[in-house]
Amino acid sequence: MPTRRERPSPLRIAQLYRYPVKGLSAEPLDRAVVKPGETLPRDRAWAVENGAGRFDAAHPQHVHKTSFLMLMRNERLAGIQSQFDEATETLTILRAGRPVCRGRLPEKSGRAVIEQFLSAWMEKDLRGPPRIVHAEGHSFSDTVAKCLHVITLASVRRIEREIGRPVDPLRFRPNIVVEGAEPWAEFDWVGRDLRAGSVRLHVFKRTYRCAATTVDPQTGRRDMDIPAVLARRWGHTDFGVYAKLLTGGELAVGGTLIVL
């Protein structure tokens, strides 16, 4: 593993993503205004319960991801695309680039349109009728803490060399993709802070990778056993790190990132 650098090292934010609905498509962002202690705005703000669930919007608490439709178990989700219009809070579902349904998520009738489509599309995976859930200020992250997921392009490329095939960074569902680091440098960031302009993040944990990374985010096929490759070659199944926002400000693609 890399040794701790004595001086701050400038890196670059290459890509920025959020996932308005847990398990559905990534939404690329050019920039995002963030607040301390929060996620990217609207990141995983909605989720789809797989049948009767335990989430109570009146008293929102973290619920394990297996309560929801998600790529680890429901790869068919990758066979559709979603687009989120923030101004109207409207979600559009597409197949092969063509819209098949659209609904405003704050409205029961809008959610019902999406739920009806998912009932048919995800029929074989469902434990009961799907239900879109939301609570203002709640994020349906895999972690209890509100945070951002950070990966480096260098580590993605290192996996590519090991497998001998291109690897889409979106397999790892990142919020921030960093360019300019050495492979696996992000593991040395645990316990340290990152700074991008006025924004400061604290890296607190490596990310354990589950079977979701085996799914091609473009085709929905399970075609690459990344956790097995990590375990066989490096003796662990971690990829990327989690970071908490300590201060607010703007994150932007192309912006400089400093490891402190």
Protein backbone atom coordinates (compact mmCIF):
# COMPACT_ATOMS: atom_id res chain seq x y z
CA MET A 1 0.00 0.00 0.00
CA PRO A 2 1.16 3.59 -0.59
CA THR A 3 2.94 5.35 2.25
CA ARG A 4 1.53 8.52 3.78
CA ARG A 5 2.61 11.60 1.82
CA GLU A 6 4.31 14.38 3.77
CA ARG A 7 2.88 17.19 1.61
CA PRO A 8 -0.65 17.79 0.32
CA SER A 9 -1.04 16.22 -3.12
CA PRO A 10 -3.27 17.98 -5.73
CA LEU A 11 -5.66 15.72 -7.57
CA ARG A 12 -8.62 16.37 -9.84
CA ILE A 13 -12.34 15.60 -9.62
CA ALA A 14 -12.89 13.79 -12.92
CA GLN A 15 -16.55 12.80 -12.48
CA LEU A 16 -19.39 13.60 -10.09
CA TYR A 17 -22.53 11.47 -9.74
CA ARG A 18 -25.66 11.13 -7.69
CA TYR A 19 -28.35 8.44 -7.68
CA PRO A 20 -31.76 10.05 -7.08
CA VAL A 21 -33.45 6.63 -6.76
CA LYS A 22 -31.50 3.86 -5.04
CA GLY A 23 -30.67 1.09 -7.52
CA LEU A 24 -31.52 3.12 -10.62
CA SER A 25 -29.29 5.10 -13.01
CA ALA A 26 -26.48 7.42 -12.06
CA GLU A 27 -27.01 11.10 -12.80
CA PRO A 28 -23.79 12.87 -13.88
CA LEU A 29 -23.33 16.35 -12.43
CA ASP A 30 -21.08 19.21 -13.49
CA ARG A 31 -21.21 20.71 -10.02
CA ALA A 32 -23.05 20.38 -6.73
CA VAL A 33 -23.49 22.63 -3.70
CA VAL A 34 -23.01 20.54 -0.56
CA LYS A 35 -23.67 21.00 3.14
CA PRO A 36 -21.75 19.61 6.12
CA GLY A 37 -23.07 16.31 7.40
CA GLU A 38 -25.12 15.66 4.26
CA THR A 39 -24.87 13.70 1.01
CA LEU A 40 -24.85 15.19 -2.46
CA PRO A 41 -28.25 16.90 -2.85
CA ARG A 42 -30.95 14.34 -3.76
CA ASP A 43 -28.51 11.43 -3.64
CA ARG A 44 -30.54 8.28 -2.94
CA ALA A 45 -33.46 10.45 -1.85
CA TRP A 46 -35.92 7.76 -2.97
CA ALA A 47 -35.86 3.97 -2.90
CA VAL A 48 -38.16 1.19 -4.07
CA GLU A 49 -39.25 -1.24 -1.38
CA ASN A 50 -39.36 -4.83 -2.56
CA GLY A 51 -42.74 -5.80 -1.17
CA ALA A 52 -43.88 -4.92 2.33
CA GLY A 53 -41.04 -3.04 4.01
CA ARG A 54 -39.99 -1.59 7.34
CA PHE A 55 -39.32 2.00 6.27
CA ASP A 56 -41.48 4.55 8.12
CA ALA A 57 -41.42 7.97 6.41
CA ALA A 58 -42.78 9.60 9.57
CA HIS A 59 -39.83 8.26 11.60
CA PRO A 60 -37.08 7.58 9.04
CA GLN A 61 -34.33 5.22 10.13
CA HIS A 62 -31.61 3.37 8.24
CA VAL A 63 -32.98 0.15 6.74
CA HIS A 64 -30.76 -2.59 5.29
CA LYS A 65 -30.42 -2.46 1.52
CA THR A 66 -31.99 -5.90 1.07
CA SER A 67 -35.38 -4.31 1.82
CA PHE A 68 -35.14 -2.43 -1.48
CA LEU A 69 -34.68 -3.20 -5.14
CA MET A 70 -30.93 -2.93 -5.76
CA LEU A 71 -28.29 -4.23 -8.16
CA MET A 72 -26.71 -6.70 -5.74
CA ARG A 73 -29.76 -8.96 -6.15
CA ASN A 74 -31.80 -7.32 -8.89
CA GLU A 75 -29.54 -6.92 -11.92
CA ARG A 76 -32.57 -6.49 -14.20
CA LEU A 77 -32.68 -2.89 -12.94
CA ALA A 78 -29.66 -2.18 -15.16
CA GLY A 79 -31.76 -3.07 -18.20
CA ILE A 80 -33.64 0.21 -17.83
CA GLN A 81 -32.43 3.79 -17.59
CA SER A 82 -33.81 6.59 -15.46
CA GLN A 83 -33.71 10.37 -15.78
CA PHE A 84 -34.55 12.72 -12.93
CA ASP A 85 -35.73 16.30 -13.48
CA GLU A 86 -34.86 18.15 -10.30
CA ALA A 87 -37.03 21.19 -11.06
CA THR A 88 -40.23 19.11 -11.25
CA GLU A 89 -39.02 16.06 -9.28
CA THR A 90 -40.14 13.94 -12.20
CA LEU A 91 -38.65 10.51 -12.87
CA THR A 92 -38.63 9.12 -16.41
CA ILE A 93 -37.93 5.44 -17.08
CA LEU A 94 -36.47 4.49 -20.46
CA ARG A 95 -35.81 1.23 -22.29
CA ALA A 96 -33.25 1.24 -25.10
CA GLY A 97 -33.28 5.04 -24.90
CA ARG A 98 -37.06 5.38 -25.30
CA PRO A 99 -39.33 6.67 -22.49
CA VAL A 100 -41.78 4.04 -21.23
CA CYS A 101 -43.23 5.85 -18.20
CA ARG A 102 -42.96 9.10 -16.29
CA GLY A 103 -44.21 10.32 -12.93
CA ARG A 104 -43.72 13.06 -10.36
CA LEU A 105 -42.25 11.38 -7.31
CA PRO A 106 -43.86 13.67 -4.67
CA GLU A 107 -47.31 12.72 -5.99
CA LYS A 108 -48.98 9.41 -5.18
CA SER A 109 -50.33 9.17 -8.73
CA GLY A 110 -46.86 9.84 -10.17
CA ARG A 111 -45.27 7.16 -8.01
CA ALA A 112 -48.03 4.73 -8.96
CA VAL A 113 -47.12 5.03 -12.64
CA ILE A 114 -43.51 4.08 -11.90
CA GLU A 115 -44.53 1.34 -9.47
CA GLN A 116 -46.87 -0.19 -12.05
CA PHE A 117 -44.07 -0.38 -14.59
CA LEU A 118 -41.66 -1.90 -12.06
CA SER A 119 -44.29 -4.47 -11.07
CA ALA A 120 -44.13 -5.84 -14.61
CA TRP A 121 -40.43 -5.28 -15.34
CA MET A 122 -39.19 -6.73 -12.05
CA GLU A 123 -41.96 -9.34 -11.62
CA LYS A 124 -39.66 -12.34 -11.06
CA ASP A 125 -37.67 -10.51 -8.37
CA LEU A 126 -40.55 -9.10 -6.34
CA ARG A 127 -41.64 -10.27 -2.90
CA GLY A 128 -44.76 -8.12 -3.17
CA PRO A 129 -45.94 -4.87 -4.79
CA PRO A 130 -43.05 -2.37 -5.13
CA ARG A 131 -43.45 0.88 -3.23
CA ILE A 132 -41.45 4.08 -3.79
CA VAL A 133 -40.49 5.58 -0.42
CA HIS A 134 -39.01 8.92 0.64
CA ALA A 135 -38.54 11.11 3.69
CA GLU A 136 -37.27 14.67 3.47
CA GLY A 137 -33.60 14.79 4.43
CA HIS A 138 -33.19 11.01 4.49
CA SER A 139 -30.72 9.17 2.23
CA PHE A 140 -31.13 5.48 1.40
CA SER A 141 -27.41 4.85 1.47
CA ASP A 142 -25.90 1.47 2.27
CA THR A 143 -24.25 3.15 5.26
CA VAL A 144 -25.88 4.58 8.36
CA ALA A 145 -23.77 7.74 8.13
CA LYS A 146 -24.55 10.32 5.48
CA CYS A 147 -21.48 10.41 3.28
CA LEU A 148 -20.02 10.40 -0.23
CA HIS A 149 -18.41 7.46 -1.97
CA VAL A 150 -15.00 8.23 -3.51
CA ILE A 151 -13.04 6.10 -6.00
CA THR A 152 -9.94 6.73 -8.11
CA LEU A 153 -9.56 6.14 -11.84
CA ALA A 154 -6.10 4.69 -11.21
CA SER A 155 -7.56 1.87 -9.12
CA VAL A 156 -10.21 1.21 -11.77
CA ARG A 157 -7.46 0.93 -14.38
CA ARG A 158 -5.50 -1.42 -12.12
CA ILE A 159 -8.53 -3.72 -11.95
CA GLU A 160 -8.80 -3.50 -15.74
CA ARG A 161 -5.22 -4.69 -16.14
CA GLU A 162 -5.85 -7.60 -13.81
CA ILE A 163 -9.05 -8.68 -15.58
CA GLY A 164 -7.93 -7.81 -19.11
CA ARG A 165 -11.15 -5.98 -19.95
CA PRO A 166 -12.54 -2.42 -19.62
CA VAL A 167 -14.24 -1.70 -16.30
CA ASP A 168 -16.95 0.95 -16.08
CA PRO A 169 -16.38 3.10 -12.95
CA LEU A 170 -20.16 3.15 -12.47
CA ARG A 171 -20.00 -0.49 -11.35
CA PHE A 172 -18.83 0.99 -8.03
CA ARG A 173 -21.67 3.57 -7.74
CA PRO A 174 -19.29 6.45 -6.89
CA ASN A 175 -20.21 10.02 -6.01
CA ILE A 176 -16.71 11.35 -6.74
CA VAL A 177 -14.24 9.88 -9.23
CA VAL A 178 -10.71 11.16 -8.67
CA GLU A 179 -8.00 11.47 -11.33
CA GLY A 180 -4.27 11.80 -10.66
CA ALA A 181 -3.80 9.43 -7.72
CA GLU A 182 -1.70 6.29 -7.67
CA PRO A 183 -3.54 2.95 -7.66
CA TRP A 184 -4.95 2.20 -4.19
CA ALA A 185 -3.83 5.59 -2.82
CA GLU A 186 -7.38 6.11 -1.52
CA PHE A 187 -6.83 3.45 1.13
CA ASP A 188 -4.11 5.66 2.61
CA TRP A 189 -6.66 8.48 2.88
CA VAL A 190 -8.64 6.74 5.63
CA GLY A 191 -8.39 8.91 8.73
CA ARG A 192 -7.33 11.94 6.67
CA ASP A 193 -9.15 14.92 5.15
CA LEU A 194 -9.68 15.95 1.53
CA ARG A 195 -10.18 19.57 0.48
CA ALA A 196 -11.81 20.90 -2.69
CA GLY A 197 -11.99 24.68 -2.47
CA SER A 198 -14.01 25.47 0.65
CA VAL A 199 -15.29 21.90 0.89
CA ARG A 200 -13.57 19.60 3.35
CA LEU A 201 -14.28 15.87 3.66
CA HIS A 202 -13.09 13.32 6.18
CA VAL A 203 -12.36 9.83 4.85
CA PHE A 204 -13.47 7.35 7.49
CA LYS A 205 -13.85 3.92 5.94
CA ARG A 206 -12.88 1.64 3.06
CA THR A 207 -15.79 0.35 0.98
CA TYR A 208 -16.58 -3.35 1.06
CA ARG A 209 -17.68 -4.50 -2.40
CA CYS A 210 -20.69 -6.73 -2.86
CA ALA A 211 -22.13 -8.59 -5.85
CA ALA A 212 -23.52 -5.34 -7.30
CA THR A 213 -20.11 -4.79 -8.93
CA THR A 214 -20.53 -8.00 -10.94
CA VAL A 215 -23.34 -6.32 -12.93
CA ASP A 216 -22.55 -4.38 -16.10
CA PRO A 217 -24.40 -1.07 -15.52
CA GLN A 218 -25.10 -0.76 -19.25
CA THR A 219 -26.40 -4.27 -20.02
CA GLY A 220 -27.52 -5.73 -16.70
CA ARG A 221 -25.45 -8.87 -17.25
CA ARG A 222 -23.39 -10.41 -14.46
CA ASP A 223 -20.18 -10.67 -16.44
CA MET A 224 -17.28 -9.80 -14.11
CA ASP A 225 -16.68 -11.12 -10.59
CA ILE A 226 -14.82 -8.13 -9.20
CA PRO A 227 -15.03 -9.16 -5.50
CA ALA A 228 -13.44 -12.51 -6.37
CA VAL A 229 -10.66 -10.78 -8.33
CA LEU A 230 -9.97 -8.43 -5.41
CA ALA A 231 -9.89 -11.32 -2.94
CA ARG A 232 -7.68 -13.51 -5.11
CA ARG A 233 -5.18 -10.82 -6.13
CA TRP A 234 -5.11 -8.47 -3.12
CA GLY A 235 -6.58 -10.47 -0.26
CA HIS A 236 -9.61 -8.26 0.41
CA THR A 237 -12.84 -7.15 -1.28
CA ASP A 238 -12.55 -3.38 -0.72
CA PHE A 239 -12.73 -0.74 -3.43
CA GLY A 240 -13.14 2.99 -2.82
CA VAL A 241 -13.69 4.89 0.43
CA TYR A 242 -16.47 6.70 2.28
CA ALA A 243 -16.05 10.35 3.25
CA LYS A 244 -18.14 12.68 5.43
CA LEU A 245 -18.65 16.33 4.53
CA LEU A 246 -17.13 18.52 7.24
CA THR A 247 -17.75 21.87 5.53
CA GLY A 248 -20.02 23.06 2.75
CA GLY A 249 -19.40 24.72 -0.59
CA GLU A 250 -19.27 23.67 -4.21
CA LEU A 251 -17.83 20.51 -5.73
CA ALA A 252 -17.21 20.70 -9.47
CA VAL A 253 -15.86 18.45 -12.20
CA GLY A 254 -12.33 19.62 -13.00
CA GLY A 255 -11.84 21.00 -9.52
CA THR A 256 -8.65 20.39 -7.57
CA LEU A 257 -8.70 17.96 -4.66
CA ILE A 258 -6.04 18.13 -1.97
CA VAL A 259 -5.17 15.26 0.40
CA LEU A 260 -4.32 16.74 3.78
